[in-house]
C-alpha atoms as a PDB file:
ATOM      1  CA  UNK A   1    -158.620 -20.257-171.218  1.00  0.00           C
ATOM      2  CA  UNK A   2    -155.695 -22.596-170.233  1.00  0.00           C
ATOM      3  CA  UNK A   3    -153.873 -21.997-167.164  1.00  0.00           C
ATOM      4  CA  UNK A   4    -150.692 -19.824-167.702  1.00  0.00           C
ATOM      5  CA  UNK A   5    -147.465 -20.441-166.535  1.00  0.00           C
ATOM      6  CA  UNK A   6    -144.827 -18.426-164.797  1.00  0.00           C
ATOM      7  CA  UNK A   7    -141.058 -18.665-166.241  1.00  0.00           C
ATOM      8  CA  UNK A   8    -138.082 -17.030-165.491  1.00  0.00           C
ATOM      9  CA  UNK A   9    -136.087 -15.470-168.594  1.00  0.00           C
ATOM     10  CA  UNK A  10    -132.053 -15.734-168.988  1.00  0.00           C
ATOM     11  CA  UNK A  11    -131.753 -12.463-167.499  1.00  0.00           C
ATOM     12  CA  UNK A  12    -133.947 -13.246-164.319  1.00  0.00           C
ATOM     13  CA  UNK A  13    -137.161 -11.575-165.154  1.00  0.00           C
ATOM     14  CA  UNK A  14    -140.027 -13.370-164.278  1.00  0.00           C
ATOM     15  CA  UNK A  15    -143.022 -13.625-166.941  1.00  0.00           C
ATOM     16  CA  UNK A  16    -146.411 -14.854-167.288  1.00  0.00           C
ATOM     17  CA  UNK A  17    -147.404 -16.680-170.429  1.00  0.00           C
ATOM     18  CA  UNK A  18    -147.826 -19.773-172.235  1.00  0.00           C
ATOM     19  CA  UNK A  19    -145.233 -22.099-173.902  1.00  0.00           C
ATOM     20  CA  UNK A  20    -145.189 -21.522-177.774  1.00  0.00           C
ATOM     21  CA  UNK A  21    -147.780 -23.613-179.661  1.00  0.00           C
ATOM     22  CA  UNK A  22    -146.503 -26.343-181.945  1.00  0.00           C
ATOM     23  CA  UNK A  23    -149.284 -24.788-184.418  1.00  0.00           C
ATOM     24  CA  UNK A  24    -146.583 -21.970-184.953  1.00  0.00           C
ATOM     25  CA  UNK A  25    -143.584 -22.364-187.074  1.00  0.00           C
ATOM     26  CA  UNK A  26    -140.358 -22.597-185.173  1.00  0.00           C
ATOM     27  CA  UNK A  27    -138.404 -20.596-187.968  1.00  0.00           C
ATOM     28  CA  UNK A  28    -140.154 -17.479-189.676  1.00  0.00           C
ATOM     29  CA  UNK A  29    -140.270 -18.001-193.418  1.00  0.00           C
ATOM     30  CA  UNK A  30    -141.848 -15.849-196.119  1.00  0.00           C
ATOM     31  CA  UNK A  31    -145.189 -17.525-195.943  1.00  0.00           C
ATOM     32  CA  UNK A  32    -148.392 -16.030-193.953  1.00  0.00           C
ATOM     33  CA  UNK A  33    -148.875 -18.433-191.148  1.00  0.00           C
ATOM     34  CA  UNK A  34    -151.398 -18.343-188.207  1.00  0.00           C
ATOM     35  CA  UNK A  35    -149.355 -15.884-185.966  1.00  0.00           C
ATOM     36  CA  UNK A  36    -149.050 -13.526-188.936  1.00  0.00           C
ATOM     37  CA  UNK A  37    -152.660 -13.560-189.723  1.00  0.00           C
ATOM     38  CA  UNK A  38    -153.826 -13.183-186.224  1.00  0.00           C
ATOM     39  CA  UNK A  39    -151.520 -10.237-185.707  1.00  0.00           C
ATOM     40  CA  UNK A  40    -152.666  -8.715-188.808  1.00  0.00           C
ATOM     41  CA  UNK A  41    -156.226  -8.863-187.668  1.00  0.00           C
ATOM     42  CA  UNK A  42    -155.162  -7.554-184.358  1.00  0.00           C
ATOM     43  CA  UNK A  43    -153.585  -4.393-185.531  1.00  0.00           C
ATOM     44  CA  UNK A  44    -156.535  -3.738-187.645  1.00  0.00           C
ATOM     45  CA  UNK A  45    -158.863  -3.916-184.840  1.00  0.00           C
ATOM     46  CA  UNK A  46    -156.849  -1.660-182.731  1.00  0.00           C
ATOM     47  CA  UNK A  47    -156.919   0.879-185.622  1.00  0.00           C
ATOM     48  CA  UNK A  48    -160.620   0.570-185.887  1.00  0.00           C
ATOM     49  CA  UNK A  49    -161.279   0.884-182.278  1.00  0.00           C
ATOM     50  CA  UNK A  50    -159.302   4.061-182.176  1.00  0.00           C
ATOM     51  CA  UNK A  51    -161.224   5.285-185.256  1.00  0.00           C
ATOM     52  CA  UNK A  52    -164.355   4.564-183.593  1.00  0.00           C
ATOM     53  CA  UNK A  53    -163.734   6.527-180.472  1.00  0.00           C
ATOM     54  CA  UNK A  54    -162.815   9.404-182.479  1.00  0.00           C
ATOM     55  CA  UNK A  55    -166.106   9.316-184.069  1.00  0.00           C
ATOM     56  CA  UNK A  56    -167.853   8.765-180.935  1.00  0.00           C
ATOM     57  CA  UNK A  57    -166.160  11.875-179.455  1.00  0.00           C
ATOM     58  CA  UNK A  58    -167.216  14.093-182.433  1.00  0.00           C
ATOM     59  CA  UNK A  59    -170.650  12.595-182.879  1.00  0.00           C
ATOM     60  CA  UNK A  60    -173.452  15.028-182.587  1.00  0.00           C
ATOM     61  CA  UNK A  61    -176.506  13.252-182.986  1.00  0.00           C
ATOM     62  CA  UNK A  62    -177.157  10.837-179.722  1.00  0.00           C
ATOM     63  CA  UNK A  63    -178.715   8.191-181.634  1.00  0.00           C
ATOM     64  CA  UNK A  64    -175.591   7.756-184.231  1.00  0.00           C
ATOM     65  CA  UNK A  65    -173.203   8.019-180.996  1.00  0.00           C
ATOM     66  CA  UNK A  66    -175.186   5.217-179.493  1.00  0.00           C
ATOM     67  CA  UNK A  67    -174.956   2.949-182.699  1.00  0.00           C
ATOM     68  CA  UNK A  68    -171.129   3.746-182.719  1.00  0.00           C
ATOM     69  CA  UNK A  69    -170.719   2.811-179.028  1.00  0.00           C
ATOM     70  CA  UNK A  70    -172.591  -0.486-179.500  1.00  0.00           C
ATOM     71  CA  UNK A  71    -170.367  -1.240-182.686  1.00  0.00           C
ATOM     72  CA  UNK A  72    -167.122  -0.259-180.671  1.00  0.00           C
ATOM     73  CA  UNK A  73    -168.113  -2.324-177.742  1.00  0.00           C
ATOM     74  CA  UNK A  74    -168.643  -5.504-180.189  1.00  0.00           C
ATOM     75  CA  UNK A  75    -165.446  -4.654-181.986  1.00  0.00           C
ATOM     76  CA  UNK A  76    -163.760  -4.562-178.497  1.00  0.00           C
ATOM     77  CA  UNK A  77    -164.872  -8.115-177.829  1.00  0.00           C
ATOM     78  CA  UNK A  78    -163.420  -9.381-180.982  1.00  0.00           C
ATOM     79  CA  UNK A  79    -159.985  -7.469-180.264  1.00  0.00           C
ATOM     80  CA  UNK A  80    -159.908  -9.190-176.911  1.00  0.00           C
ATOM     81  CA  UNK A  81    -160.784 -12.637-178.471  1.00  0.00           C
ATOM     82  CA  UNK A  82    -157.778 -12.399-180.889  1.00  0.00           C
ATOM     83  CA  UNK A  83    -155.555 -11.053-178.399  1.00  0.00           C
ATOM     84  CA  UNK A  84    -156.449 -14.052-176.118  1.00  0.00           C
ATOM     85  CA  UNK A  85    -155.794 -16.326-179.208  1.00  0.00           C
ATOM     86  CA  UNK A  86    -152.295 -15.074-179.709  1.00  0.00           C
ATOM     87  CA  UNK A  87    -151.663 -15.068-175.860  1.00  0.00           C
ATOM     88  CA  UNK A  88    -152.930 -18.957-176.001  1.00  0.00           C
ATOM     89  CA  UNK A  89    -150.648 -19.758-178.621  1.00  0.00           C
ATOM     90  CA  UNK A  90    -147.503 -18.282-176.788  1.00  0.00           C
ATOM     91  CA  UNK A  91    -147.089 -15.267-178.744  1.00  0.00           C
ATOM     92  CA  UNK A  92    -147.535 -12.567-175.706  1.00  0.00           C
ATOM     93  CA  UNK A  93    -145.594 -12.772-172.447  1.00  0.00           C
ATOM     94  CA  UNK A  94    -145.744 -10.161-169.838  1.00  0.00           C
ATOM     95  CA  UNK A  95    -143.442  -9.468-167.069  1.00  0.00           C
ATOM     96  CA  UNK A  96    -144.885 -10.363-163.446  1.00  0.00           C
ATOM     97  CA  UNK A  97    -145.119  -7.203-161.326  1.00  0.00           C
ATOM     98  CA  UNK A  98    -144.166  -7.528-157.442  1.00  0.00           C
ATOM     99  CA  UNK A  99    -146.851  -6.521-154.864  1.00  0.00           C
ATOM    100  CA  UNK A 100    -144.958  -3.382-154.333  1.00  0.00           C
ATOM    101  CA  UNK A 101    -144.945  -2.520-157.875  1.00  0.00           C
ATOM    102  CA  UNK A 102    -148.582  -2.763-158.103  1.00  0.00           C
ATOM    103  CA  UNK A 103    -149.037  -0.631-155.037  1.00  0.00           C
ATOM    104  CA  UNK A 104    -146.758   2.086-156.578  1.00  0.00           C
ATOM    105  CA  UNK A 105    -148.708   2.149-159.825  1.00  0.00           C
ATOM    106  CA  UNK A 106    -152.031   2.221-157.827  1.00  0.00           C
ATOM    107  CA  UNK A 107    -150.740   5.136-155.603  1.00  0.00           C
ATOM    108  CA  UNK A 108    -149.342   7.092-158.958  1.00  0.00           C
ATOM    109  CA  UNK A 109    -152.772   6.550-160.530  1.00  0.00           C
ATOM    110  CA  UNK A 110    -154.742   7.348-157.554  1.00  0.00           C
ATOM    111  CA  UNK A 111    -153.118  10.770-156.888  1.00  0.00           C
ATOM    112  CA  UNK A 112    -153.409  11.486-160.893  1.00  0.00           C
ATOM    113  CA  UNK A 113    -157.302  11.215-160.200  1.00  0.00           C
ATOM    114  CA  UNK A 114    -157.358  13.921-157.772  1.00  0.00           C
ATOM    115  CA  UNK A 115    -155.829  16.089-160.630  1.00  0.00           C
ATOM    116  CA  UNK A 116    -159.002  15.504-162.936  1.00  0.00           C
ATOM    117  CA  UNK A 117    -161.394  18.561-163.154  1.00  0.00           C
ATOM    118  CA  UNK A 118    -164.420  16.327-162.808  1.00  0.00           C
ATOM    119  CA  UNK A 119    -164.388  14.367-159.572  1.00  0.00           C
ATOM    120  CA  UNK A 120    -166.851  11.339-159.176  1.00  0.00           C
END
């Protein structure tokens, strides 16, 4: 994966991502382009992953459950590849979290962990 960049938006928010690829059109027209196709596939993959997880949760037969788990794992890999492709095309950007924001989130979720009924 190419190196990502850090930019500051007009409002001062620092973001991580990549510049929009020249492969993508500057202006959206009615035609399906690469971005549209990848976003459509990514949406389908997300829906399939959700459905697989529900089926796994409700599967009684261990052999069938394992088959579904294996298929879900392969599907997760595909979903990740499509997301990374869109990221590499400059379609996705994310706000950068400060070390303090990361520490706050870690603290919140660590405290949630203590509320779970099964402790590991």
